[in-house]
Amino acid sequence: MNAKPENIFSEKEIKIIRLLEKGLSNKTISERCNISENTVKYHLKNIYKKLGVHSRLQAVRRINKNNLFIN
């Protein structure tokens, strides 16, 4: 994965990924983003697909492995 995160993920997906990295639950993410839990699940599904993973843990590991979202 050599492309910049902002070219792969939507702005909302990037926000959700940053919260996911903090270990937050879908409910907490939904509250912080002012969206429903179902919308969080929808975005997570798309994030997983783009990363080629099937879980939160795998997503965070892939993000860290590829040095995505370094501040």
PDB file of N, CA and C in Angstrom:
ATOM      1  N   MET A   1       0.865  -1.172   0.000  1.00  0.00           N
ATOM      2  CA  MET A   1       0.000   0.000   0.000  1.00  0.00           C
ATOM      3  C   MET A   1       0.908   1.230   0.000  1.00  0.00           C
ATOM      4  N   ASN A   2       1.158   1.775  -1.176  1.00  0.00           N
ATOM      5  CA  ASN A   2       2.086   2.894  -1.307  1.00  0.00           C
ATOM      6  C   ASN A   2       1.404   4.241  -1.459  1.00  0.00           C
ATOM      7  N   ALA A   3       0.114   4.246  -1.722  1.00  0.00           N
ATOM      8  CA  ALA A   3      -0.610   5.503  -1.917  1.00  0.00           C
ATOM      9  C   ALA A   3      -0.805   6.217  -0.584  1.00  0.00           C
ATOM     10  N   LYS A   4      -1.000   7.508  -0.665  1.00  0.00           N
ATOM     11  CA  LYS A   4      -1.274   8.295   0.538  1.00  0.00           C
ATOM     12  C   LYS A   4      -2.652   7.930   1.074  1.00  0.00           C
ATOM     13  N   PRO A   5      -2.816   7.880   2.403  1.00  0.00           N
ATOM     14  CA  PRO A   5      -4.115   7.526   2.991  1.00  0.00           C
ATOM     15  C   PRO A   5      -5.260   8.384   2.480  1.00  0.00           C
ATOM     16  N   GLU A   6      -5.009   9.682   2.286  1.00  0.00           N
ATOM     17  CA  GLU A   6      -6.097  10.558   1.843  1.00  0.00           C
ATOM     18  C   GLU A   6      -6.539  10.257   0.416  1.00  0.00           C
ATOM     19  N   ASN A   7      -5.733   9.496  -0.337  1.00  0.00           N
ATOM     20  CA  ASN A   7      -6.121   9.082  -1.681  1.00  0.00           C
ATOM     21  C   ASN A   7      -6.848   7.745  -1.676  1.00  0.00           C
ATOM     22  N   ILE A   8      -6.771   7.033  -0.570  1.00  0.00           N
ATOM     23  CA  ILE A   8      -7.397   5.718  -0.447  1.00  0.00           C
ATOM     24  C   ILE A   8      -8.703   5.801   0.332  1.00  0.00           C
ATOM     25  N   PHE A   9      -8.682   6.561   1.422  1.00  0.00           N
ATOM     26  CA  PHE A   9      -9.810   6.621   2.338  1.00  0.00           C
ATOM     27  C   PHE A   9     -10.508   7.969   2.273  1.00  0.00           C
ATOM     28  N   SER A  10     -11.825   7.937   2.518  1.00  0.00           N
ATOM     29  CA  SER A  10     -12.585   9.186   2.597  1.00  0.00           C
ATOM     30  C   SER A  10     -12.214   9.914   3.889  1.00  0.00           C
ATOM     31  N   GLU A  11     -12.582  11.173   3.959  1.00  0.00           N
ATOM     32  CA  GLU A  11     -12.319  11.972   5.162  1.00  0.00           C
ATOM     33  C   GLU A  11     -12.949  11.325   6.396  1.00  0.00           C
ATOM     34  N   LYS A  12     -14.178  10.844   6.247  1.00  0.00           N
ATOM     35  CA  LYS A  12     -14.880  10.198   7.368  1.00  0.00           C
ATOM     36  C   LYS A  12     -14.180   8.898   7.759  1.00  0.00           C
ATOM     37  N   GLU A  13     -13.730   8.121   6.767  1.00  0.00           N
ATOM     38  CA  GLU A  13     -13.019   6.878   7.066  1.00  0.00           C
ATOM     39  C   GLU A  13     -11.723   7.159   7.824  1.00  0.00           C
ATOM     40  N   ILE A  14     -11.016   8.206   7.445  1.00  0.00           N
ATOM     41  CA  ILE A  14      -9.778   8.563   8.137  1.00  0.00           C
ATOM     42  C   ILE A  14     -10.069   8.915   9.591  1.00  0.00           C
ATOM     43  N   LYS A  15     -11.134   9.663   9.818  1.00  0.00           N
ATOM     44  CA  LYS A  15     -11.511  10.019  11.191  1.00  0.00           C
ATOM     45  C   LYS A  15     -11.823   8.758  12.000  1.00  0.00           C
ATOM     46  N   ILE A  16     -12.561   7.832  11.393  1.00  0.00           N
ATOM     47  CA  ILE A  16     -12.921   6.583  12.070  1.00  0.00           C
ATOM     48  C   ILE A  16     -11.678   5.738  12.332  1.00  0.00           C
ATOM     49  N   ILE A  17     -10.763   5.684  11.383  1.00  0.00           N
ATOM     50  CA  ILE A  17      -9.524   4.922  11.576  1.00  0.00           C
ATOM     51  C   ILE A  17      -8.738   5.477  12.752  1.00  0.00           C
ATOM     52  N   ARG A  18      -8.646   6.775  12.848  1.00  0.00           N
ATOM     53  CA  ARG A  18      -7.897   7.391  13.960  1.00  0.00           C
ATOM     54  C   ARG A  18      -8.528   7.025  15.309  1.00  0.00           C
ATOM     55  N   LEU A  19      -9.850   6.968  15.360  1.00  0.00           N
ATOM     56  CA  LEU A  19     -10.533   6.581  16.598  1.00  0.00           C
ATOM     57  C   LEU A  19     -10.386   5.082  16.847  1.00  0.00           C
ATOM     58  N   LEU A  20     -10.403   4.305  15.771  1.00  0.00           N
ATOM     59  CA  LEU A  20     -10.213   2.860  15.864  1.00  0.00           C
ATOM     60  C   LEU A  20      -8.840   2.548  16.457  1.00  0.00           C
ATOM     61  N   GLU A  21      -7.837   3.298  16.043  1.00  0.00           N
ATOM     62  CA  GLU A  21      -6.477   3.104  16.557  1.00  0.00           C
ATOM     63  C   GLU A  21      -6.399   3.343  18.064  1.00  0.00           C
ATOM     64  N   LYS A  22      -7.307   4.155  18.582  1.00  0.00           N
ATOM     65  CA  LYS A  22      -7.341   4.441  20.021  1.00  0.00           C
ATOM     66  C   LYS A  22      -8.075   3.360  20.798  1.00  0.00           C
ATOM     67  N   GLY A  23      -8.627   2.371  20.080  1.00  0.00           N
ATOM     68  CA  GLY A  23      -9.313   1.264  20.726  1.00  0.00           C
ATOM     69  C   GLY A  23     -10.745   1.557  21.119  1.00  0.00           C
ATOM     70  N   LEU A  24     -11.337   2.577  20.505  1.00  0.00           N
ATOM     71  CA  LEU A  24     -12.702   2.964  20.867  1.00  0.00           C
ATOM     72  C   LEU A  24     -13.730   2.008  20.273  1.00  0.00           C
ATOM     73  N   SER A  25     -14.848   1.867  20.967  1.00  0.00           N
ATOM     74  CA  SER A  25     -15.946   1.015  20.511  1.00  0.00           C
ATOM     75  C   SER A  25     -16.726   1.706  19.399  1.00  0.00           C
ATOM     76  N   ASN A  26     -17.531   0.922  18.684  1.00  0.00           N
ATOM     77  CA  ASN A  26     -18.392   1.501  17.648  1.00  0.00           C
ATOM     78  C   ASN A  26     -19.306   2.566  18.236  1.00  0.00           C
ATOM     79  N   LYS A  27     -19.824   2.300  19.427  1.00  0.00           N
ATOM     80  CA  LYS A  27     -20.726   3.262  20.066  1.00  0.00           C
ATOM     81  C   LYS A  27     -20.007   4.582  20.338  1.00  0.00           C
ATOM     82  N   THR A  28     -18.811   4.505  20.897  1.00  0.00           N
ATOM     83  CA  THR A  28     -18.056   5.722  21.198  1.00  0.00           C
ATOM     84  C   THR A  28     -17.665   6.450  19.919  1.00  0.00           C
ATOM     85  N   ILE A  29     -17.258   5.698  18.905  1.00  0.00           N
ATOM     86  CA  ILE A  29     -16.921   6.310  17.615  1.00  0.00           C
ATOM     87  C   ILE A  29     -18.143   7.018  17.047  1.00  0.00           C
ATOM     88  N   SER A  30     -19.303   6.379  17.131  1.00  0.00           N
ATOM     89  CA  SER A  30     -20.531   6.990  16.598  1.00  0.00           C
ATOM     90  C   SER A  30     -20.857   8.287  17.328  1.00  0.00           C
ATOM     91  N   GLU A  31     -20.654   8.294  18.635  1.00  0.00           N
ATOM     92  CA  GLU A  31     -20.920   9.509  19.423  1.00  0.00           C
ATOM     93  C   GLU A  31     -19.948  10.627  19.060  1.00  0.00           C
ATOM     94  N   ARG A  32     -18.691  10.286  18.895  1.00  0.00           N
ATOM     95  CA  ARG A  32     -17.681  11.309  18.571  1.00  0.00           C
ATOM     96  C   ARG A  32     -17.847  11.860  17.158  1.00  0.00           C
ATOM     97  N   CYS A  33     -18.365  11.029  16.255  1.00  0.00           N
ATOM     98  CA  CYS A  33     -18.527  11.454  14.855  1.00  0.00           C
ATOM     99  C   CYS A  33     -19.942  11.951  14.559  1.00  0.00           C
ATOM    100  N   ASN A  34     -20.824  11.868  15.557  1.00  0.00           N
ATOM    101  CA  ASN A  34     -22.234  12.259  15.375  1.00  0.00           C
ATOM    102  C   ASN A  34     -22.903  11.499  14.240  1.00  0.00           C
ATOM    103  N   ILE A  35     -22.663  10.175  14.218  1.00  0.00           N
ATOM    104  CA  ILE A  35     -23.296   9.293  13.246  1.00  0.00           C
ATOM    105  C   ILE A  35     -23.811   8.070  13.995  1.00  0.00           C
ATOM    106  N   SER A  36     -24.662   7.276  13.348  1.00  0.00           N
ATOM    107  CA  SER A  36     -25.202   6.084  14.001  1.00  0.00           C
ATOM    108  C   SER A  36     -24.151   4.972  14.047  1.00  0.00           C
ATOM    109  N   GLU A  37     -24.374   4.017  14.939  1.00  0.00           N
ATOM    110  CA  GLU A  37     -23.482   2.857  15.015  1.00  0.00           C
ATOM    111  C   GLU A  37     -23.497   2.085  13.705  1.00  0.00           C
ATOM    112  N   ASN A  38     -24.662   2.021  13.059  1.00  0.00           N
ATOM    113  CA  ASN A  38     -24.748   1.328  11.772  1.00  0.00           C
ATOM    114  C   ASN A  38     -23.884   2.008  10.722  1.00  0.00           C
ATOM    115  N   THR A  39     -23.807   3.328  10.768  1.00  0.00           N
ATOM    116  CA  THR A  39     -22.956   4.059   9.827  1.00  0.00           C
ATOM    117  C   THR A  39     -21.491   3.774  10.118  1.00  0.00           C
ATOM    118  N   VAL A  40     -21.137   3.673  11.388  1.00  0.00           N
ATOM    119  CA  VAL A  40     -19.764   3.301  11.758  1.00  0.00           C
ATOM    120  C   VAL A  40     -19.450   1.923  11.186  1.00  0.00           C
ATOM    121  N   LYS A  41     -20.361   0.973  11.355  1.00  0.00           N
ATOM    122  CA  LYS A  41     -20.159  -0.380  10.834  1.00  0.00           C
ATOM    123  C   LYS A  41     -19.996  -0.369   9.319  1.00  0.00           C
ATOM    124  N   TYR A  42     -20.778   0.466   8.643  1.00  0.00           N
ATOM    125  CA  TYR A  42     -20.680   0.599   7.185  1.00  0.00           C
ATOM    126  C   TYR A  42     -19.282   1.091   6.791  1.00  0.00           C
ATOM    127  N   HIS A  43     -18.810   2.125   7.473  1.00  0.00           N
ATOM    128  CA  HIS A  43     -17.483   2.665   7.169  1.00  0.00           C
ATOM    129  C   HIS A  43     -16.389   1.643   7.495  1.00  0.00           C
ATOM    130  N   LEU A  44     -16.537   0.936   8.611  1.00  0.00           N
ATOM    131  CA  LEU A  44     -15.549  -0.086   8.969  1.00  0.00           C
ATOM    132  C   LEU A  44     -15.485  -1.177   7.906  1.00  0.00           C
ATOM    133  N   LYS A  45     -16.642  -1.579   7.402  1.00  0.00           N
ATOM    134  CA  LYS A  45     -16.687  -2.591   6.344  1.00  0.00           C
ATOM    135  C   LYS A  45     -15.885  -2.123   5.132  1.00  0.00           C
ATOM    136  N   ASN A  46     -16.059  -0.862   4.753  1.00  0.00           N
ATOM    137  CA  ASN A  46     -15.319  -0.312   3.613  1.00  0.00           C
ATOM    138  C   ASN A  46     -13.829  -0.203   3.915  1.00  0.00           C
ATOM    139  N   ILE A  47     -13.497   0.194   5.130  1.00  0.00           N
ATOM    140  CA  ILE A  47     -12.091   0.292   5.545  1.00  0.00           C
ATOM    141  C   ILE A  47     -11.436  -1.086   5.478  1.00  0.00           C
ATOM    142  N   TYR A  48     -12.108  -2.097   6.032  1.00  0.00           N
ATOM    143  CA  TYR A  48     -11.569  -3.456   6.019  1.00  0.00           C
ATOM    144  C   TYR A  48     -11.332  -3.923   4.585  1.00  0.00           C
ATOM    145  N   LYS A  49     -12.281  -3.646   3.715  1.00  0.00           N
ATOM    146  CA  LYS A  49     -12.168  -4.061   2.313  1.00  0.00           C
ATOM    147  C   LYS A  49     -10.955  -3.394   1.662  1.00  0.00           C
ATOM    148  N   LYS A  50     -10.788  -2.109   1.899  1.00  0.00           N
ATOM    149  CA  LYS A  50      -9.664  -1.373   1.308  1.00  0.00           C
ATOM    150  C   LYS A  50      -8.323  -1.860   1.842  1.00  0.00           C
ATOM    151  N   LEU A  51      -8.298  -2.284   3.097  1.00  0.00           N
ATOM    152  CA  LEU A  51      -7.070  -2.776   3.718  1.00  0.00           C
ATOM    153  C   LEU A  51      -6.847  -4.267   3.472  1.00  0.00           C
ATOM    154  N   GLY A  52      -7.888  -4.975   3.023  1.00  0.00           N
ATOM    155  CA  GLY A  52      -7.790  -6.410   2.807  1.00  0.00           C
ATOM    156  C   GLY A  52      -7.744  -7.193   4.105  1.00  0.00           C
ATOM    157  N   VAL A  53      -8.541  -6.752   5.090  1.00  0.00           N
ATOM    158  CA  VAL A  53      -8.579  -7.399   6.402  1.00  0.00           C
ATOM    159  C   VAL A  53     -10.024  -7.717   6.778  1.00  0.00           C
ATOM    160  N   HIS A  54     -10.180  -8.409   7.919  1.00  0.00           N
ATOM    161  CA  HIS A  54     -11.516  -8.821   8.350  1.00  0.00           C
ATOM    162  C   HIS A  54     -11.859  -8.433   9.782  1.00  0.00           C
ATOM    163  N   SER A  55     -10.970  -7.703  10.457  1.00  0.00           N
ATOM    164  CA  SER A  55     -11.249  -7.344  11.848  1.00  0.00           C
ATOM    165  C   SER A  55     -10.588  -6.022  12.221  1.00  0.00           C
ATOM    166  N   ARG A  56     -11.006  -5.490  13.354  1.00  0.00           N
ATOM    167  CA  ARG A  56     -10.432  -4.244  13.886  1.00  0.00           C
ATOM    168  C   ARG A  56      -8.942  -4.406  14.143  1.00  0.00           C
ATOM    169  N   LEU A  57      -8.593  -5.508  14.797  1.00  0.00           N
ATOM    170  CA  LEU A  57      -7.196  -5.755  15.134  1.00  0.00           C
ATOM    171  C   LEU A  57      -6.339  -5.841  13.875  1.00  0.00           C
ATOM    172  N   GLN A  58      -6.818  -6.575  12.881  1.00  0.00           N
ATOM    173  CA  GLN A  58      -6.080  -6.685  11.624  1.00  0.00           C
ATOM    174  C   GLN A  58      -5.941  -5.321  10.956  1.00  0.00           C
ATOM    175  N   ALA A  59      -6.988  -4.514  11.019  1.00  0.00           N
ATOM    176  CA  ALA A  59      -6.949  -3.179  10.405  1.00  0.00           C
ATOM    177  C   ALA A  59      -5.882  -2.320  11.064  1.00  0.00           C
ATOM    178  N   VAL A  60      -5.867  -2.295  12.387  1.00  0.00           N
ATOM    179  CA  VAL A  60      -4.884  -1.482  13.108  1.00  0.00           C
ATOM    180  C   VAL A  60      -3.470  -1.993  12.833  1.00  0.00           C
ATOM    181  N   ARG A  61      -3.308  -3.302  12.808  1.00  0.00           N
ATOM    182  CA  ARG A  61      -1.981  -3.869  12.510  1.00  0.00           C
ATOM    183  C   ARG A  61      -1.522  -3.489  11.109  1.00  0.00           C
ATOM    184  N   ARG A  62      -2.418  -3.563  10.142  1.00  0.00           N
ATOM    185  CA  ARG A  62      -2.068  -3.218   8.755  1.00  0.00           C
ATOM    186  C   ARG A  62      -1.710  -1.741   8.643  1.00  0.00           C
ATOM    187  N   ILE A  63      -2.457  -0.904   9.320  1.00  0.00           N
ATOM    188  CA  ILE A  63      -2.189   0.541   9.317  1.00  0.00           C
ATOM    189  C   ILE A  63      -0.812   0.812   9.915  1.00  0.00           C
ATOM    190  N   ASN A  64      -0.522   0.180  11.044  1.00  0.00           N
ATOM    191  CA  ASN A  64       0.773   0.379  11.704  1.00  0.00           C
ATOM    192  C   ASN A  64       1.920  -0.198  10.879  1.00  0.00           C
ATOM    193  N   LYS A  65       1.698  -1.371  10.296  1.00  0.00           N
ATOM    194  CA  LYS A  65       2.729  -2.028   9.488  1.00  0.00           C
ATOM    195  C   LYS A  65       3.118  -1.166   8.290  1.00  0.00           C
ATOM    196  N   ASN A  66       2.143  -0.506   7.703  1.00  0.00           N
ATOM    197  CA  ASN A  66       2.382   0.304   6.512  1.00  0.00           C
ATOM    198  C   ASN A  66       2.640   1.770   6.834  1.00  0.00           C
ATOM    199  N   ASN A  67       2.789   2.069   8.134  1.00  0.00           N
ATOM    200  CA  ASN A  67       3.079   3.439   8.576  1.00  0.00           C
ATOM    201  C   ASN A  67       2.081   4.467   8.047  1.00  0.00           C
ATOM    202  N   LEU A  68       0.815   4.103   8.040  1.00  0.00           N
ATOM    203  CA  LEU A  68      -0.232   5.035   7.619  1.00  0.00           C
ATOM    204  C   LEU A  68      -0.594   5.942   8.784  1.00  0.00           C
ATOM    205  N   PHE A  69      -0.984   7.140   8.478  1.00  0.00           N
ATOM    206  CA  PHE A  69      -1.531   8.085   9.451  1.00  0.00           C
ATOM    207  C   PHE A  69      -0.545   8.510  10.529  1.00  0.00           C
ATOM    208  N   ILE A  70       0.705   8.660  10.180  1.00  0.00           N
ATOM    209  CA  ILE A  70       1.682   9.171  11.138  1.00  0.00           C
ATOM    210  C   ILE A  70       1.501  10.669  11.242  1.00  0.00           C
ATOM    211  N   ASN A  71       1.376  11.175  12.468  1.00  0.00           N
ATOM    212  CA  ASN A  71       1.205  12.619  12.686  1.00  0.00           C
ATOM    213  C   ASN A  71       2.544  13.307  12.717  1.00  0.00           C
TER     214      ASN A  71
END
